[in-house]
Amino acid sequence: MNDAVSIARDLVRCPSVTPADAGALGVLDRLLKNAGFELHRLTFGEPGTSDIDNLYARIGTEAPHITFAGHTDVVPPGDETAWTLGAFSGEIRDGFLHGRGAVDMKGGIACSVAAVLQYLAERGGKPKGSISFLITGDEEDIAVNGTVKLLKWCAERGEKFDHCVLGEPSNVEVLGDCIKIGRRGSQSGTLHVDGVQGHVAYPHRAANPVPDISRLIVALSDEPLDHGSAQFQASNLEFTSVDVGNPAGNVIPAQARARFNIRFNDNHTQATLRALVEERLAKACGNRIRARIVWEPSNANVFVTKPGAFTDLAVSAIEEVTGRKPELSTSGGTSDARFISNYCPVIEFGLVGQTMHQVDERTPVSDLEQLTKIYRGVLDRYFA
């Protein structure tokens, strides 16, 4: 069956916990091949990482070209005995589709596929331009062998995208309340403070890094990085762990470490952000404290799709189905939209994210039906 509920059910029943595909891409492969799409199954990998299966499918050769993106991989279910109906049951009960990925984001993929198949069936199997799908199995993990490499492969063969809809669960409380038009960037690092190890009874022979790292944590946390921008809330630096690796209660440690993460807006690039934090660290250290930051590699840059014709047609389609005018938001964490934004404008609109990553993840069947209508409305307006 080509309706969203049936497609979502079949996808949920594939236990595609990253990096396993478990047949999920095969479900989409069969549906899209039967509809006349040109399909490419691509496996990417690199040393030290798992090989990841990806899918690119396109129908049509002309512009405009809209692509629907998403991921079929899911996070682990945790304690499967805690699930009411089974983590991968795909069962429908009391008006809800249950199972890991129902919300994040197999349900969104199912709705986009169903909407496209309906659209094509009513137009003799051919769009006025081009429609494609960018589907990866590497979003919930390190995201190095998925969308980022799939996009590069597409570019190398001359594929050009005009716009993208990413079906992540963007809505907060109810379907139609939010479109994500951007995301803040993410940058992690570890603050290292060096001291001199010694006996606690002879502190004058040692240099304790614990009080020093406490002072530096306060210094780096207290002063705002910025006060936000036109499209984004303020950037924030949050310390997430402090460790000295010291099992002894009578030894002053030689070093203390504190991990942190920064979510930053378009007032910064990764380079300028690092420079700002390093400058503040140097000021807080003065001539006494010995400290440094070890920055982690990051592929999570800030991006924004400015409001315009594309966001307007999406808002119109959502209003028509739900009666709600969605907020254009840049809140939340990272997604594969950070990679897609380098190739075309992208918006994120999918299901309601309240149960994503939780035990008993589920989505109302009515939301799947409405989201399919919304995607269909986007297609009608896009090719009008």
Protein backbone atom coordinates (compact mmCIF):
# COMPACT_ATOMS: atom_id res chain seq x y z
CA MET A 1 0.00 0.00 0.00
CA ASN A 2 1.22 3.50 -0.82
CA ASP A 3 -0.45 5.43 2.00
CA ALA A 4 1.72 7.05 4.68
CA VAL A 5 0.49 4.85 7.52
CA SER A 6 1.36 1.62 5.70
CA ILE A 7 4.77 2.93 4.61
CA ALA A 8 5.57 4.18 8.11
CA ARG A 9 4.49 0.85 9.62
CA ASP A 10 6.78 -1.08 7.26
CA LEU A 11 9.70 1.24 8.02
CA VAL A 12 9.23 1.06 11.80
CA ARG A 13 9.29 -2.75 11.61
CA CYS A 14 12.87 -2.56 10.29
CA PRO A 15 15.16 -2.41 13.39
CA SER A 16 17.53 0.06 11.73
CA VAL A 17 19.51 1.17 14.76
CA THR A 18 22.55 3.11 13.53
CA PRO A 19 24.54 1.87 11.59
CA ALA A 20 22.26 -1.03 10.56
CA ASP A 21 19.87 -0.58 7.64
CA ALA A 22 17.82 -3.69 8.44
CA GLY A 23 15.87 -3.42 5.20
CA ALA A 24 14.54 0.11 5.68
CA LEU A 25 15.99 1.50 2.46
CA GLY A 26 14.65 -1.55 0.63
CA VAL A 27 11.10 -0.53 1.59
CA LEU A 28 11.62 2.84 -0.09
CA ASP A 29 13.58 1.36 -2.97
CA ARG A 30 10.65 -0.80 -4.08
CA LEU A 31 8.06 1.97 -3.82
CA LEU A 32 10.10 4.55 -5.71
CA LYS A 33 11.31 2.14 -8.38
CA ASN A 34 7.71 1.16 -9.15
CA ALA A 35 6.87 4.86 -9.53
CA GLY A 36 9.56 5.40 -12.15
CA PHE A 37 12.36 6.92 -10.08
CA GLU A 38 15.98 6.45 -11.06
CA LEU A 39 17.55 4.92 -7.96
CA HIS A 40 21.07 4.79 -6.59
CA ARG A 41 22.03 2.78 -3.51
CA LEU A 42 25.35 4.06 -2.21
CA THR A 43 27.55 2.79 0.60
CA PHE A 44 30.05 5.19 2.14
CA GLY A 45 32.72 4.53 4.72
CA GLU A 46 36.12 5.52 5.99
CA PRO A 47 38.67 4.03 8.38
CA GLY A 48 37.47 3.78 11.94
CA THR A 49 33.77 4.15 11.05
CA SER A 50 30.95 1.85 10.03
CA ASP A 51 29.90 1.58 6.40
CA ILE A 52 26.55 3.31 5.85
CA ASP A 53 23.88 2.59 3.23
CA ASN A 54 22.28 5.60 1.55
CA LEU A 55 19.63 6.14 -1.10
CA TYR A 56 19.28 8.79 -3.80
CA ALA A 57 16.23 8.67 -6.05
CA ARG A 58 15.10 11.18 -8.69
CA ILE A 59 12.32 11.52 -11.20
CA GLY A 60 12.38 14.26 -13.82
CA THR A 61 15.30 16.07 -15.42
CA GLU A 62 14.19 19.69 -15.49
CA ALA A 63 14.11 22.53 -12.99
CA PRO A 64 12.72 23.36 -10.55
CA HIS A 65 14.05 20.51 -8.46
CA ILE A 66 12.70 19.88 -4.96
CA THR A 67 14.23 17.17 -2.79
CA PHE A 68 12.85 15.50 0.32
CA ALA A 69 15.54 14.48 2.78
CA GLY A 70 15.57 12.24 5.81
CA HIS A 71 17.15 9.38 7.73
CA THR A 72 15.94 5.85 8.32
CA ASP A 73 18.39 5.12 11.13
CA VAL A 74 17.10 5.33 14.69
CA VAL A 75 18.53 5.51 18.19
CA PRO A 76 18.60 2.31 20.28
CA PRO A 77 15.31 1.39 21.97
CA GLY A 78 16.86 0.94 25.39
CA ASP A 79 15.14 -1.60 27.63
CA GLU A 80 12.80 -3.27 25.16
CA THR A 81 10.80 -4.86 27.98
CA ALA A 82 9.72 -1.35 28.99
CA TRP A 83 7.90 -0.82 25.69
CA THR A 84 4.15 -1.33 25.79
CA LEU A 85 3.87 -2.74 22.27
CA GLY A 86 7.45 -3.57 21.32
CA ALA A 87 10.11 -1.20 20.07
CA PHE A 88 9.75 -2.30 16.44
CA SER A 89 6.19 -3.55 16.42
CA GLY A 90 4.81 -0.92 14.06
CA GLU A 91 1.47 -1.65 15.68
CA ILE A 92 -1.46 0.75 15.47
CA ARG A 93 -3.49 1.02 18.65
CA ASP A 94 -5.92 3.67 19.86
CA GLY A 95 -5.17 5.84 16.85
CA PHE A 96 -1.38 5.82 17.29
CA LEU A 97 1.42 4.18 15.33
CA HIS A 98 3.90 2.78 17.86
CA GLY A 99 7.60 2.03 17.52
CA ARG A 100 11.09 3.46 17.42
CA GLY A 101 11.34 5.93 14.55
CA ALA A 102 7.60 6.57 14.26
CA VAL A 103 8.32 10.25 14.99
CA ASP A 104 12.06 10.55 14.35
CA MET A 105 11.80 10.22 11.48
CA LYS A 106 10.39 7.28 9.57
CA GLY A 107 6.92 8.78 9.85
CA GLY A 108 8.06 11.97 8.12
CA ILE A 109 9.74 10.00 5.32
CA ALA A 110 6.60 7.91 4.84
CA CYS A 111 4.47 11.04 4.49
CA SER A 112 6.77 12.60 1.92
CA VAL A 113 6.89 9.39 -0.14
CA ALA A 114 3.11 8.98 0.03
CA ALA A 115 2.54 12.62 -0.98
CA VAL A 116 4.92 12.32 -3.95
CA LEU A 117 3.37 9.05 -5.13
CA GLN A 118 -0.10 10.60 -4.98
CA TYR A 119 1.10 13.69 -6.83
CA LEU A 120 2.70 11.64 -9.60
CA ALA A 121 -0.26 9.29 -9.95
CA GLU A 122 -2.53 12.24 -10.70
CA ARG A 123 -0.14 13.66 -13.29
CA GLY A 124 0.62 10.66 -15.42
CA GLY A 125 3.74 9.79 -13.43
CA LYS A 126 5.69 12.91 -14.37
CA PRO A 127 6.33 16.10 -12.38
CA LYS A 128 6.55 19.52 -14.01
CA GLY A 129 10.16 19.67 -12.85
CA SER A 130 12.10 17.18 -10.73
CA ILE A 131 11.50 15.47 -7.41
CA SER A 132 14.12 13.53 -5.50
CA PHE A 133 14.79 11.82 -2.18
CA LEU A 134 18.01 12.03 -0.16
CA ILE A 135 17.80 9.29 2.47
CA THR A 136 20.64 8.30 4.79
CA GLY A 137 21.25 5.79 7.55
CA ASP A 138 23.79 7.93 9.39
CA GLU A 139 22.10 10.85 11.12
CA GLU A 140 21.69 9.62 14.67
CA ASP A 141 25.38 8.78 15.05
CA ILE A 142 28.51 10.64 13.87
CA ALA A 143 27.01 11.68 10.51
CA VAL A 144 30.16 11.29 8.42
CA ASN A 145 29.13 8.59 5.93
CA GLY A 146 25.63 9.79 5.21
CA THR A 147 24.10 13.01 3.91
CA VAL A 148 27.37 14.94 3.75
CA LYS A 149 28.91 12.38 1.37
CA LEU A 150 25.67 11.72 -0.48
CA LEU A 151 25.41 15.43 -1.31
CA LYS A 152 29.01 15.49 -2.49
CA TRP A 153 28.34 12.48 -4.73
CA CYS A 154 25.30 14.22 -6.19
CA ALA A 155 27.25 17.40 -6.87
CA GLU A 156 30.03 15.48 -8.61
CA ARG A 157 27.52 13.99 -11.05
CA GLY A 158 25.92 17.37 -11.75
CA GLU A 159 22.81 17.12 -9.60
CA LYS A 160 21.46 20.55 -8.64
CA PHE A 161 18.82 21.10 -5.98
CA ASP A 162 16.66 24.21 -5.86
CA HIS A 163 14.96 23.59 -2.51
CA CYS A 164 14.75 20.91 0.17
CA VAL A 165 12.20 19.80 2.74
CA LEU A 166 13.72 17.80 5.60
CA GLY A 167 11.10 15.80 7.47
CA GLU A 168 12.58 16.02 10.97
CA PRO A 169 10.02 16.28 13.80
CA SER A 170 9.97 20.07 13.92
CA ASN A 171 6.66 20.66 15.68
CA VAL A 172 6.70 21.22 19.43
CA GLU A 173 3.17 20.70 20.72
CA VAL A 174 0.86 20.18 17.75
CA LEU A 175 1.21 19.64 14.02
CA GLY A 176 1.60 22.98 12.30
CA ASP A 177 3.09 25.01 15.13
CA CYS A 178 6.69 25.28 13.91
CA ILE A 179 8.94 25.24 10.83
CA LYS A 180 12.67 25.10 11.42
CA ILE A 181 14.38 27.52 9.05
CA GLY A 182 17.82 27.36 10.62
CA ARG A 183 19.95 25.87 13.34
CA ARG A 184 22.68 27.18 15.56
CA GLY A 185 26.13 25.72 15.15
CA SER A 186 27.70 23.36 17.67
CA GLN A 187 31.29 23.40 18.91
CA SER A 188 32.71 21.27 21.71
CA GLY A 189 35.99 21.43 23.56
CA THR A 190 37.82 20.46 26.74
CA LEU A 191 39.42 22.93 29.11
CA HIS A 192 42.70 21.61 30.58
CA VAL A 193 44.22 23.22 33.67
CA ASP A 194 47.70 22.10 34.72
CA GLY A 195 48.90 21.99 38.30
CA VAL A 196 51.59 20.22 40.28
CA GLN A 197 50.77 16.95 42.00
CA GLY A 198 51.54 16.67 45.68
CA HIS A 199 50.47 15.57 49.16
CA VAL A 200 47.47 17.42 50.60
CA ALA A 201 49.40 17.89 53.86
CA TYR A 202 52.07 19.86 51.99
CA PRO A 203 50.12 22.17 49.66
CA HIS A 204 53.04 24.58 49.36
CA ARG A 205 54.89 21.88 47.42
CA ALA A 206 52.03 21.45 44.94
CA ALA A 207 49.74 23.57 42.77
CA ASN A 208 46.10 22.57 42.94
CA PRO A 209 44.29 22.90 39.58
CA VAL A 210 40.82 22.29 41.06
CA PRO A 211 40.19 25.80 42.45
CA ASP A 212 41.70 27.25 39.28
CA ILE A 213 39.44 25.31 36.92
CA SER A 214 36.48 26.34 39.06
CA ARG A 215 37.38 30.00 38.58
CA LEU A 216 37.84 29.53 34.84
CA ILE A 217 34.50 27.75 34.48
CA VAL A 218 32.77 30.68 36.13
CA ALA A 219 34.72 33.20 34.05
CA LEU A 220 33.87 31.53 30.74
CA SER A 221 30.24 30.89 31.69
CA ASP A 222 29.29 34.22 33.21
CA GLU A 223 29.88 36.64 30.34
CA PRO A 224 27.40 36.23 27.45
CA LEU A 225 28.90 35.33 24.08
CA ASP A 226 26.37 37.62 22.38
CA HIS A 227 22.80 38.82 22.75
CA GLY A 228 21.27 37.00 19.79
CA SER A 229 20.65 38.13 16.22
CA ALA A 230 17.72 38.79 13.91
CA GLN A 231 17.01 35.09 13.32
CA PHE A 232 18.66 33.42 16.33
CA GLN A 233 18.60 33.35 20.10
CA ALA A 234 21.77 34.10 22.02
CA SER A 235 24.71 31.71 21.83
CA ASN A 236 25.41 29.71 24.98
CA LEU A 237 28.42 27.93 26.42
CA GLU A 238 27.61 25.07 28.78
CA PHE A 239 30.07 22.99 30.80
CA THR A 240 28.96 19.37 30.86
CA SER A 241 31.56 17.54 32.97
CA VAL A 242 34.52 18.16 35.28
CA ASP A 243 37.14 15.50 35.97
CA VAL A 244 40.52 15.21 37.68
CA GLY A 245 41.03 11.45 37.32
CA ASN A 246 42.12 11.24 40.94
CA PRO A 247 41.20 8.11 42.94
CA ALA A 248 43.15 9.21 46.03
CA GLY A 249 41.73 11.49 48.70
CA ASN A 250 45.09 12.66 49.98
CA VAL A 251 46.70 13.66 46.68
CA ILE A 252 46.49 17.03 44.99
CA PRO A 253 45.93 16.18 41.28
CA ALA A 254 48.28 17.25 38.51
CA GLN A 255 45.53 18.28 36.09
CA ALA A 256 41.83 19.08 35.93
CA ARG A 257 39.64 18.92 32.83
CA ALA A 258 36.20 20.27 32.01
CA ARG A 259 34.21 19.49 28.86
CA PHE A 260 31.88 22.05 27.34
CA ASN A 261 29.65 22.63 24.33
CA ILE A 262 28.74 25.89 22.63
CA ARG A 263 25.61 26.42 20.55
CA PHE A 264 26.36 29.52 18.49
CA ASN A 265 24.41 31.81 16.19
CA ASP A 266 25.29 33.72 13.04
CA ASN A 267 27.25 36.34 14.96
CA HIS A 268 30.11 33.84 14.84
CA THR A 269 31.97 31.40 12.67
CA GLN A 270 33.78 28.46 14.26
CA ALA A 271 37.06 30.35 13.88
CA THR A 272 35.88 33.62 15.40
CA LEU A 273 34.08 31.78 18.19
CA ARG A 274 37.19 29.86 19.16
CA ALA A 275 39.24 33.06 19.09
CA LEU A 276 36.74 34.81 21.38
CA VAL A 277 36.77 32.00 23.95
CA GLU A 278 40.58 31.73 23.84
CA GLU A 279 40.85 35.48 24.43
CA ARG A 280 38.56 35.31 27.45
CA LEU A 281 40.46 32.31 28.80
CA ALA A 282 43.79 34.12 28.53
CA LYS A 283 42.35 37.11 30.38
CA ALA A 284 40.96 34.91 33.16
CA CYS A 285 44.24 32.98 33.54
CA GLY A 286 46.41 36.06 33.88
CA ASN A 287 50.07 35.22 34.45
CA ARG A 288 49.45 32.48 37.01
CA ILE A 289 47.03 29.79 35.81
CA ARG A 290 48.27 27.38 33.15
CA ALA A 291 45.34 26.38 30.97
CA ARG A 292 44.51 25.51 27.39
CA ILE A 293 41.54 24.38 25.33
CA VAL A 294 41.55 21.30 23.12
CA TRP A 295 38.86 21.87 20.49
CA GLU A 296 36.96 18.97 18.95
CA PRO A 297 36.35 18.79 15.20
CA SER A 298 32.87 20.00 14.26
CA ASN A 299 30.80 19.78 11.11
CA ALA A 300 27.84 21.59 12.70
CA ASN A 301 27.91 25.11 11.33
CA VAL A 302 25.19 27.69 11.76
CA PHE A 303 22.77 28.17 8.86
CA VAL A 304 19.52 29.97 8.12
CA THR A 305 17.04 29.93 5.24
CA LYS A 306 15.78 33.50 5.04
CA PRO A 307 11.99 33.87 4.89
CA GLY A 308 10.75 34.27 1.32
CA ALA A 309 8.73 32.56 -1.41
CA PHE A 310 9.71 29.03 -0.37
CA THR A 311 8.87 29.48 3.31
CA ASP A 312 5.68 31.31 2.32
CA LEU A 313 4.38 28.38 0.25
CA ALA A 314 5.17 25.97 3.09
CA VAL A 315 3.32 28.19 5.57
CA SER A 316 0.37 28.37 3.18
CA ALA A 317 0.23 24.58 2.80
CA ILE A 318 0.38 24.09 6.58
CA GLU A 319 -2.32 26.69 7.25
CA GLU A 320 -4.63 25.12 4.69
CA VAL A 321 -4.47 21.69 6.36
CA THR A 322 -4.12 22.57 10.07
CA GLY A 323 -5.56 26.07 10.34
CA ARG A 324 -2.38 27.14 12.12
CA LYS A 325 0.27 29.60 11.04
CA PRO A 326 3.60 28.04 12.06
CA GLU A 327 6.40 29.91 13.80
CA LEU A 328 9.59 30.22 11.76
CA SER A 329 12.11 28.93 14.29
CA THR A 330 15.87 28.42 14.57
CA SER A 331 15.79 26.70 17.96
CA GLY A 332 16.84 23.16 18.77
CA GLY A 333 19.86 21.00 18.08
CA THR A 334 21.63 20.04 14.89
CA SER A 335 20.35 18.05 11.93
CA ASP A 336 21.46 17.08 8.44
CA ALA A 337 20.05 20.40 7.27
CA ARG A 338 23.44 21.84 8.18
CA PHE A 339 24.90 19.92 5.22
CA ILE A 340 22.01 20.50 2.84
CA SER A 341 22.11 24.26 3.40
CA ASN A 342 25.43 24.35 1.51
CA TYR A 343 23.62 23.22 -1.64
CA CYS A 344 20.16 24.81 -1.51
CA PRO A 345 17.67 26.51 0.83
CA VAL A 346 16.23 23.99 3.28
CA ILE A 347 13.37 23.95 5.75
CA GLU A 348 12.55 21.33 8.37
CA PHE A 349 8.96 20.30 8.86
CA GLY A 350 7.76 16.95 10.09
CA LEU A 351 5.79 15.41 12.95
CA VAL A 352 5.43 16.47 16.59
CA GLY A 353 8.60 15.59 18.48
CA GLN A 354 7.27 14.98 21.98
CA THR A 355 8.00 11.21 22.11
CA MET A 356 11.12 11.04 19.92
CA HIS A 357 13.95 9.00 21.48
CA GLN A 358 11.61 7.96 24.32
CA VAL A 359 10.26 4.57 25.34
CA ASP A 360 6.89 4.07 23.63
CA GLU A 361 7.70 6.49 20.80
CA ARG A 362 4.48 6.97 18.85
CA THR A 363 2.63 9.33 16.53
CA PRO A 364 -1.08 9.86 15.90
CA VAL A 365 -2.29 8.27 12.66
CA SER A 366 -4.18 11.52 12.05
CA ASP A 367 -0.86 13.43 12.08
CA LEU A 368 0.55 11.10 9.43
CA GLU A 369 -2.48 11.74 7.28
CA GLN A 370 -2.33 15.50 7.77
CA LEU A 371 1.42 15.71 7.16
CA THR A 372 0.92 13.86 3.87
CA LYS A 373 -1.66 16.45 2.85
CA ILE A 374 0.74 19.25 3.81
CA TYR A 375 3.56 17.81 1.72
CA ARG A 376 1.10 17.37 -1.11
CA GLY A 377 0.14 21.03 -0.74
CA VAL A 378 3.81 22.01 -0.90
CA LEU A 379 4.20 20.08 -4.17
CA ASP A 380 1.07 21.63 -5.70
CA ARG A 381 2.28 25.12 -4.88
CA TYR A 382 5.89 24.45 -5.81
CA PHE A 383 5.11 23.33 -9.34
CA ALA A 384 2.18 25.70 -9.89
